[in-house]
């Protein structure tokens, strides 16, 4: 069985998917995880043997960087993220048995 997991957001959105990936792996499933390419998330997923499929920009620098996006930048950032998710998740989900999406932006694939 191949289950694609998709999330975008902070640690609070990624860690539950890591827990689900651990359980799916124990059941013998293949479970790529589409998530932000933050170093902490990549390391966490690597520790549990879940392949990271990077989506969008890293969250930490965007939220905690020296110049967080302004309210005027938000529509552009959201549009870029949704486009990145549609492109990435649609490609990874090709032929999968299930897709689980959650987080700030659970968009990702047209069914």
C-alpha atoms as a PDB file:
ATOM      1  CA  UNK A   1       0.000   0.000   0.000  1.00  0.00           C
ATOM      2  CA  UNK A   2       1.204   3.510  -0.795  1.00  0.00           C
ATOM      3  CA  UNK A   3      -0.147   6.393   1.276  1.00  0.00           C
ATOM      4  CA  UNK A   4       0.938   9.960   0.521  1.00  0.00           C
ATOM      5  CA  UNK A   5       0.955  12.305   3.508  1.00  0.00           C
ATOM      6  CA  UNK A   6       0.804  16.047   2.879  1.00  0.00           C
ATOM      7  CA  UNK A   7       1.037  18.970   5.267  1.00  0.00           C
ATOM      8  CA  UNK A   8       2.324  22.500   5.346  1.00  0.00           C
ATOM      9  CA  UNK A   9       2.843  24.499   8.487  1.00  0.00           C
ATOM     10  CA  UNK A  10       4.722  24.459  11.731  1.00  0.00           C
ATOM     11  CA  UNK A  11       5.972  21.605  13.849  1.00  0.00           C
ATOM     12  CA  UNK A  12       2.430  21.182  15.206  1.00  0.00           C
ATOM     13  CA  UNK A  13       1.246  20.239  11.721  1.00  0.00           C
ATOM     14  CA  UNK A  14       4.219  18.106  10.714  1.00  0.00           C
ATOM     15  CA  UNK A  15       4.719  15.982  13.836  1.00  0.00           C
ATOM     16  CA  UNK A  16       1.275  14.286  13.670  1.00  0.00           C
ATOM     17  CA  UNK A  17       2.094  13.244  10.105  1.00  0.00           C
ATOM     18  CA  UNK A  18       5.407  11.837  11.346  1.00  0.00           C
ATOM     19  CA  UNK A  19       3.486   9.771  13.907  1.00  0.00           C
ATOM     20  CA  UNK A  20       1.149   8.516  11.179  1.00  0.00           C
ATOM     21  CA  UNK A  21       4.135   7.711   8.965  1.00  0.00           C
ATOM     22  CA  UNK A  22       5.674   5.625  11.769  1.00  0.00           C
ATOM     23  CA  UNK A  23       2.485   3.587  12.126  1.00  0.00           C
ATOM     24  CA  UNK A  24       2.055   3.176   8.363  1.00  0.00           C
ATOM     25  CA  UNK A  25       5.633   1.990   8.039  1.00  0.00           C
ATOM     26  CA  UNK A  26       5.023  -0.579  10.803  1.00  0.00           C
ATOM     27  CA  UNK A  27       2.097  -1.844   8.720  1.00  0.00           C
ATOM     28  CA  UNK A  28       4.360  -2.168   5.684  1.00  0.00           C
ATOM     29  CA  UNK A  29       3.094   0.841   3.764  1.00  0.00           C
ATOM     30  CA  UNK A  30       5.163   3.167   1.622  1.00  0.00           C
ATOM     31  CA  UNK A  31       4.546   6.721   2.856  1.00  0.00           C
ATOM     32  CA  UNK A  32       6.222   9.711   1.232  1.00  0.00           C
ATOM     33  CA  UNK A  33       5.584  12.888   3.239  1.00  0.00           C
ATOM     34  CA  UNK A  34       5.064  16.174   1.387  1.00  0.00           C
ATOM     35  CA  UNK A  35       6.076  18.880   3.864  1.00  0.00           C
ATOM     36  CA  UNK A  36       8.041  22.117   4.116  1.00  0.00           C
ATOM     37  CA  UNK A  37      11.777  21.631   3.526  1.00  0.00           C
ATOM     38  CA  UNK A  38      12.805  22.923   6.964  1.00  0.00           C
ATOM     39  CA  UNK A  39      15.947  21.232   8.290  1.00  0.00           C
ATOM     40  CA  UNK A  40      14.193  20.096  11.516  1.00  0.00           C
ATOM     41  CA  UNK A  41      11.410  18.387   9.544  1.00  0.00           C
ATOM     42  CA  UNK A  42      13.854  16.698   7.172  1.00  0.00           C
ATOM     43  CA  UNK A  43      15.882  15.356  10.118  1.00  0.00           C
ATOM     44  CA  UNK A  44      12.772  14.181  11.987  1.00  0.00           C
ATOM     45  CA  UNK A  45      11.403  12.347   8.944  1.00  0.00           C
ATOM     46  CA  UNK A  46      14.810  10.805   8.205  1.00  0.00           C
ATOM     47  CA  UNK A  47      15.013   9.448  11.779  1.00  0.00           C
ATOM     48  CA  UNK A  48      11.759   7.515  11.281  1.00  0.00           C
ATOM     49  CA  UNK A  49      12.551   6.406   7.727  1.00  0.00           C
ATOM     50  CA  UNK A  50       9.891   8.518   6.015  1.00  0.00           C
ATOM     51  CA  UNK A  51      10.989  10.117   2.742  1.00  0.00           C
ATOM     52  CA  UNK A  52      10.499  13.891   2.640  1.00  0.00           C
ATOM     53  CA  UNK A  53       9.102  15.373  -0.536  1.00  0.00           C
ATOM     54  CA  UNK A  54       9.792  19.108  -0.130  1.00  0.00           C
ATOM     55  CA  UNK A  55       6.893  21.474  -0.788  1.00  0.00           C
ATOM     56  CA  UNK A  56       7.161  25.259  -0.881  1.00  0.00           C
ATOM     57  CA  UNK A  57       9.566  27.364   1.082  1.00  0.00           C
ATOM     58  CA  UNK A  58      10.842  26.519   4.570  1.00  0.00           C
ATOM     59  CA  UNK A  59       8.423  27.783   7.233  1.00  0.00           C
ATOM     60  CA  UNK A  60      10.850  28.884   9.949  1.00  0.00           C
ATOM     61  CA  UNK A  61      12.659  31.646   8.000  1.00  0.00           C
ATOM     62  CA  UNK A  62       9.379  32.887   6.568  1.00  0.00           C
ATOM     63  CA  UNK A  63       7.764  33.214  10.013  1.00  0.00           C
ATOM     64  CA  UNK A  64      10.778  33.959  12.217  1.00  0.00           C
ATOM     65  CA  UNK A  65      13.163  35.552   9.719  1.00  0.00           C
ATOM     66  CA  UNK A  66      14.378  39.128   9.865  1.00  0.00           C
ATOM     67  CA  UNK A  67      11.598  40.289   7.535  1.00  0.00           C
ATOM     68  CA  UNK A  68       8.384  38.276   7.865  1.00  0.00           C
ATOM     69  CA  UNK A  69       5.972  38.731   4.956  1.00  0.00           C
ATOM     70  CA  UNK A  70       3.641  41.696   5.224  1.00  0.00           C
ATOM     71  CA  UNK A  71      -0.133  41.435   4.995  1.00  0.00           C
ATOM     72  CA  UNK A  72       0.178  42.767   1.447  1.00  0.00           C
ATOM     73  CA  UNK A  73       2.518  39.853   0.562  1.00  0.00           C
ATOM     74  CA  UNK A  74       0.201  37.196   1.968  1.00  0.00           C
ATOM     75  CA  UNK A  75      -1.997  36.614  -1.137  1.00  0.00           C
ATOM     76  CA  UNK A  76       1.097  36.083  -3.286  1.00  0.00           C
ATOM     77  CA  UNK A  77       2.674  33.702  -0.753  1.00  0.00           C
ATOM     78  CA  UNK A  78      -0.546  31.693  -0.474  1.00  0.00           C
ATOM     79  CA  UNK A  79      -0.922  31.483  -4.271  1.00  0.00           C
ATOM     80  CA  UNK A  80       2.687  30.288  -4.628  1.00  0.00           C
ATOM     81  CA  UNK A  81       2.232  27.687  -1.898  1.00  0.00           C
ATOM     82  CA  UNK A  82      -1.012  26.326  -3.343  1.00  0.00           C
ATOM     83  CA  UNK A  83       0.577  26.098  -6.804  1.00  0.00           C
ATOM     84  CA  UNK A  84       3.617  24.303  -5.367  1.00  0.00           C
ATOM     85  CA  UNK A  85       1.387  21.866  -3.500  1.00  0.00           C
ATOM     86  CA  UNK A  86      -0.750  21.098  -6.550  1.00  0.00           C
ATOM     87  CA  UNK A  87       2.321  20.431  -8.663  1.00  0.00           C
ATOM     88  CA  UNK A  88       4.266  18.420  -6.097  1.00  0.00           C
ATOM     89  CA  UNK A  89       1.505  16.446  -4.410  1.00  0.00           C
ATOM     90  CA  UNK A  90      -0.226  15.581  -7.691  1.00  0.00           C
ATOM     91  CA  UNK A  91       3.007  14.101  -9.044  1.00  0.00           C
ATOM     92  CA  UNK A  92       3.801  12.162  -5.854  1.00  0.00           C
ATOM     93  CA  UNK A  93       0.216  10.910  -5.455  1.00  0.00           C
ATOM     94  CA  UNK A  94       0.136   9.373  -8.933  1.00  0.00           C
ATOM     95  CA  UNK A  95      -1.026   5.784  -8.413  1.00  0.00           C
ATOM     96  CA  UNK A  96      -1.202   5.997  -4.616  1.00  0.00           C
ATOM     97  CA  UNK A  97      -3.834   4.147  -2.589  1.00  0.00           C
ATOM     98  CA  UNK A  98      -4.651   7.046  -0.282  1.00  0.00           C
ATOM     99  CA  UNK A  99      -3.799  10.697   0.276  1.00  0.00           C
ATOM    100  CA  UNK A 100      -3.964  12.292   3.731  1.00  0.00           C
ATOM    101  CA  UNK A 101      -3.670  16.090   3.775  1.00  0.00           C
ATOM    102  CA  UNK A 102      -3.714  18.435   6.744  1.00  0.00           C
ATOM    103  CA  UNK A 103      -2.140  21.618   8.041  1.00  0.00           C
ATOM    104  CA  UNK A 104      -2.429  25.296   7.270  1.00  0.00           C
ATOM    105  CA  UNK A 105      -2.808  24.622   3.534  1.00  0.00           C
ATOM    106  CA  UNK A 106      -4.269  21.131   2.937  1.00  0.00           C
ATOM    107  CA  UNK A 107      -4.651  21.786  -0.779  1.00  0.00           C
ATOM    108  CA  UNK A 108      -2.596  19.733  -3.124  1.00  0.00           C
ATOM    109  CA  UNK A 109      -4.357  17.613  -5.693  1.00  0.00           C
ATOM    110  CA  UNK A 110      -7.475  17.720  -7.815  1.00  0.00           C
ATOM    111  CA  UNK A 111      -9.382  14.472  -7.513  1.00  0.00           C
END
